[in-house]
């Protein structure tokens, strides 16, 4: 059995490394690609969540709008009732003026 021994223990070539040529730096390139992928993935996820999810205060705004709308409708109904009451009193005053005893009949 014959074995090839290298001159120094620390100089054995790594698997996949080129013998006799300059080694290509793979770790920094791999780290850069993984970092860029994480950055792009995070940006895409954040953008998608902002675009497709409702605003956090949308329910609160909808509830407040419903309250305001209900309040406006209530005040409109009150104004309409006051208008009809005023109209009724006007007609009664006219009836009293032209026919003073109409309530007693």
Protein backbone atom coordinates (compact mmCIF):
# COMPACT_ATOMS: atom_id res chain seq x y z
CA UNK A 1 0.00 0.00 0.00
CA UNK A 2 1.40 3.27 -0.95
CA UNK A 3 0.35 6.60 0.40
CA UNK A 4 1.19 10.10 -0.73
CA UNK A 5 2.41 12.17 2.17
CA UNK A 6 2.54 15.90 1.94
CA UNK A 7 5.49 17.85 3.22
CA UNK A 8 3.53 19.70 5.88
CA UNK A 9 0.43 18.56 7.72
CA UNK A 10 -1.48 21.85 7.20
CA UNK A 11 -1.02 21.97 3.42
CA UNK A 12 -3.32 19.17 2.36
CA UNK A 13 -5.73 20.40 -0.31
CA UNK A 14 -9.37 20.79 0.70
CA UNK A 15 -11.98 18.82 -1.20
CA UNK A 16 -13.18 20.89 -4.16
CA UNK A 17 -10.25 23.30 -4.06
CA UNK A 18 -8.14 23.76 -7.12
CA UNK A 19 -4.65 22.46 -6.78
CA UNK A 20 -2.00 24.83 -8.00
CA UNK A 21 -4.32 27.83 -8.60
CA UNK A 22 -5.77 30.60 -6.47
CA UNK A 23 -8.79 29.62 -4.38
CA UNK A 24 -12.00 31.44 -5.07
CA UNK A 25 -13.55 33.03 -1.98
CA UNK A 26 -16.89 31.24 -1.64
CA UNK A 27 -17.87 32.12 1.92
CA UNK A 28 -18.20 35.88 1.47
CA UNK A 29 -20.10 35.39 -1.79
CA UNK A 30 -22.43 32.86 -0.20
CA UNK A 31 -22.99 35.13 2.82
CA UNK A 32 -23.72 38.06 0.51
CA UNK A 33 -26.24 36.05 -1.53
CA UNK A 34 -27.98 34.74 1.60
CA UNK A 35 -28.04 38.23 3.15
CA UNK A 36 -29.44 39.77 -0.02
CA UNK A 37 -32.10 37.04 -0.19
CA UNK A 38 -33.12 37.67 3.42
CA UNK A 39 -33.25 41.41 2.83
CA UNK A 40 -35.37 41.07 -0.31
CA UNK A 41 -37.65 38.50 1.34
CA UNK A 42 -38.18 40.73 4.35
CA UNK A 43 -38.90 43.75 2.17
CA UNK A 44 -41.34 41.77 0.01
CA UNK A 45 -43.12 40.35 3.06
CA UNK A 46 -43.45 43.74 4.70
CA UNK A 47 -44.74 45.30 1.48
CA UNK A 48 -47.28 42.51 1.01
CA UNK A 49 -48.51 42.81 4.59
CA UNK A 50 -48.90 46.58 4.24
CA UNK A 51 -50.70 46.35 0.90
CA UNK A 52 -53.04 43.43 1.55
CA UNK A 53 -53.90 43.79 5.23
CA UNK A 54 -56.42 46.34 6.48
CA UNK A 55 -55.17 49.25 8.49
CA UNK A 56 -54.92 48.48 12.20
CA UNK A 57 -57.35 51.24 13.11
CA UNK A 58 -59.85 50.47 10.33
CA UNK A 59 -62.32 48.85 12.74
CA UNK A 60 -62.03 51.75 15.13
CA UNK A 61 -62.58 54.24 12.32
CA UNK A 62 -65.59 52.29 11.05
CA UNK A 63 -67.12 52.21 14.54
CA UNK A 64 -66.53 55.93 15.04
CA UNK A 65 -68.05 56.68 11.63
CA UNK A 66 -71.12 54.59 12.54
CA UNK A 67 -71.47 56.51 15.81
CA UNK A 68 -71.25 59.85 14.04
CA UNK A 69 -73.73 58.75 11.39
CA UNK A 70 -76.18 57.55 14.06
CA UNK A 71 -75.82 60.80 15.94
CA UNK A 72 -76.40 62.82 12.77
CA UNK A 73 -79.52 60.78 11.96
CA UNK A 74 -80.83 61.26 15.51
CA UNK A 75 -80.34 65.04 15.31
CA UNK A 76 -81.99 65.10 11.87
CA UNK A 77 -84.99 63.22 13.28
CA UNK A 78 -85.17 65.64 16.23
CA UNK A 79 -85.06 68.62 13.85
CA UNK A 80 -87.81 67.07 11.72
CA UNK A 81 -89.94 66.46 14.84
CA UNK A 82 -89.44 70.08 15.96
CA UNK A 83 -90.38 71.27 12.48
CA UNK A 84 -93.62 69.19 12.54
CA UNK A 85 -94.41 70.42 16.07
CA UNK A 86 -93.93 74.02 14.96
CA UNK A 87 -96.13 73.40 11.92
CA UNK A 88 -98.84 71.80 14.09
CA UNK A 89 -98.84 74.76 16.47
CA UNK A 90 -99.06 77.18 13.57
CA UNK A 91 -102.11 75.37 12.16
CA UNK A 92 -103.72 75.28 15.60
CA UNK A 93 -103.08 79.01 16.05
CA UNK A 94 -104.69 79.69 12.68
CA UNK A 95 -107.65 77.51 13.61
CA UNK A 96 -107.98 79.37 16.94
CA UNK A 97 -107.88 82.65 15.10
CA UNK A 98 -110.54 81.80 12.52
CA UNK A 99 -112.72 79.46 14.63
CA UNK A 100 -112.21 80.22 18.35
CA UNK A 101 -114.31 77.39 19.77
CA UNK A 102 -113.16 74.51 17.62
CA UNK A 103 -111.44 72.64 20.46
CA UNK A 104 -114.59 72.50 22.59
CA UNK A 105 -116.77 70.93 19.93
